[in-house]
């Protein structure tokens, strides 16, 4: 999950912080105000989105099984990767929705 603020020109500014809620983020930052360039934003303007750069561990595990076990391993690893990856995506989406509702 990545946290960001959209400025007045609709540009996203990603924060170098993680938190489960805006309240937790304010505690970590030590303030409810965030300065980005010359602008100051309230913590309520922070939103969360899916982190597109993360690769689920299930993908790596599926690939490793495929390398070791050949074609049957590719099929089994792919199926396991899809199952575990889907669960990870659901959990991540749930965390994003919880943050954005906070």
C-alpha atoms as a PDB file:
ATOM      1  CA  UNK A   1       0.000   0.000   0.000  1.00  0.00           C
ATOM      2  CA  UNK A   2       1.304   3.441  -0.933  1.00  0.00           C
ATOM      3  CA  UNK A   3       0.140   6.668   0.676  1.00  0.00           C
ATOM      4  CA  UNK A   4      -0.138   9.841  -1.362  1.00  0.00           C
ATOM      5  CA  UNK A   5      -1.544  13.359  -1.551  1.00  0.00           C
ATOM      6  CA  UNK A   6      -2.896  14.924  -4.750  1.00  0.00           C
ATOM      7  CA  UNK A   7      -1.839  18.564  -5.145  1.00  0.00           C
ATOM      8  CA  UNK A   8      -3.725  21.415  -6.810  1.00  0.00           C
ATOM      9  CA  UNK A   9      -2.374  20.380 -10.245  1.00  0.00           C
ATOM     10  CA  UNK A  10      -3.635  16.778  -9.796  1.00  0.00           C
ATOM     11  CA  UNK A  11      -0.089  15.463  -9.316  1.00  0.00           C
ATOM     12  CA  UNK A  12       0.351  12.630  -6.810  1.00  0.00           C
ATOM     13  CA  UNK A  13       3.010  13.048  -4.137  1.00  0.00           C
ATOM     14  CA  UNK A  14       3.890   9.749  -2.481  1.00  0.00           C
ATOM     15  CA  UNK A  15       4.722   9.760   1.202  1.00  0.00           C
ATOM     16  CA  UNK A  16       7.701   7.908   2.596  1.00  0.00           C
ATOM     17  CA  UNK A  17       5.627   6.472   5.445  1.00  0.00           C
ATOM     18  CA  UNK A  18       3.256   3.622   6.149  1.00  0.00           C
ATOM     19  CA  UNK A  19       0.288   3.460   8.488  1.00  0.00           C
ATOM     20  CA  UNK A  20      -2.950   1.544   8.916  1.00  0.00           C
ATOM     21  CA  UNK A  21      -4.995   4.732   9.430  1.00  0.00           C
ATOM     22  CA  UNK A  22      -4.728   8.506   9.130  1.00  0.00           C
ATOM     23  CA  UNK A  23      -4.604   8.759  12.929  1.00  0.00           C
ATOM     24  CA  UNK A  24      -1.632   6.387  13.040  1.00  0.00           C
ATOM     25  CA  UNK A  25       0.028   8.376  10.244  1.00  0.00           C
ATOM     26  CA  UNK A  26      -0.431  11.647  12.153  1.00  0.00           C
ATOM     27  CA  UNK A  27       1.177  10.054  15.210  1.00  0.00           C
ATOM     28  CA  UNK A  28       4.122   8.784  13.149  1.00  0.00           C
ATOM     29  CA  UNK A  29       4.599  12.162  11.481  1.00  0.00           C
ATOM     30  CA  UNK A  30       4.083  14.104  14.702  1.00  0.00           C
ATOM     31  CA  UNK A  31       1.490  16.385  13.114  1.00  0.00           C
ATOM     32  CA  UNK A  32      -1.799  16.439  11.248  1.00  0.00           C
ATOM     33  CA  UNK A  33      -0.237  18.804   8.698  1.00  0.00           C
ATOM     34  CA  UNK A  34       2.065  17.739   5.882  1.00  0.00           C
ATOM     35  CA  UNK A  35       4.269  20.141   3.923  1.00  0.00           C
ATOM     36  CA  UNK A  36       4.936  19.314   0.290  1.00  0.00           C
ATOM     37  CA  UNK A  37       6.931  21.995  -1.458  1.00  0.00           C
ATOM     38  CA  UNK A  38       5.286  25.290  -0.580  1.00  0.00           C
ATOM     39  CA  UNK A  39       1.876  23.736   0.126  1.00  0.00           C
ATOM     40  CA  UNK A  40       0.525  22.443   3.443  1.00  0.00           C
ATOM     41  CA  UNK A  41      -2.023  19.620   3.498  1.00  0.00           C
ATOM     42  CA  UNK A  42      -4.156  18.193   6.283  1.00  0.00           C
ATOM     43  CA  UNK A  43      -3.799  14.498   7.049  1.00  0.00           C
ATOM     44  CA  UNK A  44      -7.375  14.006   5.795  1.00  0.00           C
ATOM     45  CA  UNK A  45      -6.089  14.571   2.232  1.00  0.00           C
ATOM     46  CA  UNK A  46      -3.862  11.484   2.371  1.00  0.00           C
ATOM     47  CA  UNK A  47      -5.145   8.493   0.377  1.00  0.00           C
ATOM     48  CA  UNK A  48      -3.935   4.941  -0.116  1.00  0.00           C
ATOM     49  CA  UNK A  49      -3.595   2.865  -3.276  1.00  0.00           C
ATOM     50  CA  UNK A  50      -2.251  -0.515  -4.323  1.00  0.00           C
ATOM     51  CA  UNK A  51       1.516  -0.732  -4.452  1.00  0.00           C
ATOM     52  CA  UNK A  52       2.166  -1.797  -8.041  1.00  0.00           C
ATOM     53  CA  UNK A  53       5.853  -2.478  -7.428  1.00  0.00           C
ATOM     54  CA  UNK A  54       5.383  -5.274  -4.919  1.00  0.00           C
ATOM     55  CA  UNK A  55       5.554  -8.871  -6.045  1.00  0.00           C
ATOM     56  CA  UNK A  56       3.651 -11.325  -3.892  1.00  0.00           C
ATOM     57  CA  UNK A  57       5.733 -14.086  -2.335  1.00  0.00           C
ATOM     58  CA  UNK A  58       3.284 -16.550  -3.851  1.00  0.00           C
ATOM     59  CA  UNK A  59       4.598 -15.675  -7.318  1.00  0.00           C
ATOM     60  CA  UNK A  60       8.152 -16.489  -6.262  1.00  0.00           C
ATOM     61  CA  UNK A  61       7.067 -19.726  -4.578  1.00  0.00           C
ATOM     62  CA  UNK A  62       5.072 -20.791  -7.633  1.00  0.00           C
ATOM     63  CA  UNK A  63       8.029 -20.105  -9.893  1.00  0.00           C
ATOM     64  CA  UNK A  64      10.420 -22.034  -7.638  1.00  0.00           C
ATOM     65  CA  UNK A  65       8.125 -25.071  -7.616  1.00  0.00           C
ATOM     66  CA  UNK A  66       7.941 -24.866 -11.381  1.00  0.00           C
ATOM     67  CA  UNK A  67      11.729 -24.811 -11.752  1.00  0.00           C
ATOM     68  CA  UNK A  68      12.242 -27.793  -9.466  1.00  0.00           C
ATOM     69  CA  UNK A  69       9.392 -30.041 -10.588  1.00  0.00           C
ATOM     70  CA  UNK A  70       9.236 -29.387 -14.325  1.00  0.00           C
ATOM     71  CA  UNK A  71       5.934 -29.143 -16.199  1.00  0.00           C
ATOM     72  CA  UNK A  72       3.742 -30.613 -13.410  1.00  0.00           C
ATOM     73  CA  UNK A  73       5.441 -28.182 -11.034  1.00  0.00           C
ATOM     74  CA  UNK A  74       4.674 -25.260 -13.332  1.00  0.00           C
ATOM     75  CA  UNK A  75       0.991 -26.188 -13.306  1.00  0.00           C
ATOM     76  CA  UNK A  76       0.871 -26.791  -9.552  1.00  0.00           C
ATOM     77  CA  UNK A  77       3.020 -23.739  -8.808  1.00  0.00           C
ATOM     78  CA  UNK A  78       0.855 -21.570 -11.040  1.00  0.00           C
ATOM     79  CA  UNK A  79      -2.317 -22.748  -9.340  1.00  0.00           C
ATOM     80  CA  UNK A  80      -0.879 -22.248  -5.853  1.00  0.00           C
ATOM     81  CA  UNK A  81       0.493 -18.837  -6.826  1.00  0.00           C
ATOM     82  CA  UNK A  82      -2.916 -17.771  -8.129  1.00  0.00           C
ATOM     83  CA  UNK A  83      -4.702 -18.941  -4.976  1.00  0.00           C
ATOM     84  CA  UNK A  84      -2.274 -17.338  -2.546  1.00  0.00           C
ATOM     85  CA  UNK A  85      -1.868 -14.227  -4.684  1.00  0.00           C
ATOM     86  CA  UNK A  86      -5.629 -13.718  -4.784  1.00  0.00           C
ATOM     87  CA  UNK A  87      -5.798 -13.900  -0.990  1.00  0.00           C
ATOM     88  CA  UNK A  88      -2.918 -11.426  -0.670  1.00  0.00           C
ATOM     89  CA  UNK A  89      -4.673  -9.041  -3.079  1.00  0.00           C
ATOM     90  CA  UNK A  90      -7.895  -9.269  -1.057  1.00  0.00           C
ATOM     91  CA  UNK A  91      -6.026  -8.502   2.174  1.00  0.00           C
ATOM     92  CA  UNK A  92      -4.191  -5.578   0.584  1.00  0.00           C
ATOM     93  CA  UNK A  93      -7.421  -4.150  -0.855  1.00  0.00           C
ATOM     94  CA  UNK A  94      -9.068  -4.462   2.547  1.00  0.00           C
ATOM     95  CA  UNK A  95      -6.192  -2.525   4.170  1.00  0.00           C
ATOM     96  CA  UNK A  96      -6.431   0.202   1.504  1.00  0.00           C
ATOM     97  CA  UNK A  97     -10.181   0.566   1.991  1.00  0.00           C
ATOM     98  CA  UNK A  98      -9.743   0.704   5.780  1.00  0.00           C
ATOM     99  CA  UNK A  99      -7.141   3.476   5.474  1.00  0.00           C
ATOM    100  CA  UNK A 100      -9.245   5.502   3.042  1.00  0.00           C
ATOM    101  CA  UNK A 101     -12.265   5.244   5.370  1.00  0.00           C
ATOM    102  CA  UNK A 102     -10.247   6.323   8.427  1.00  0.00           C
END
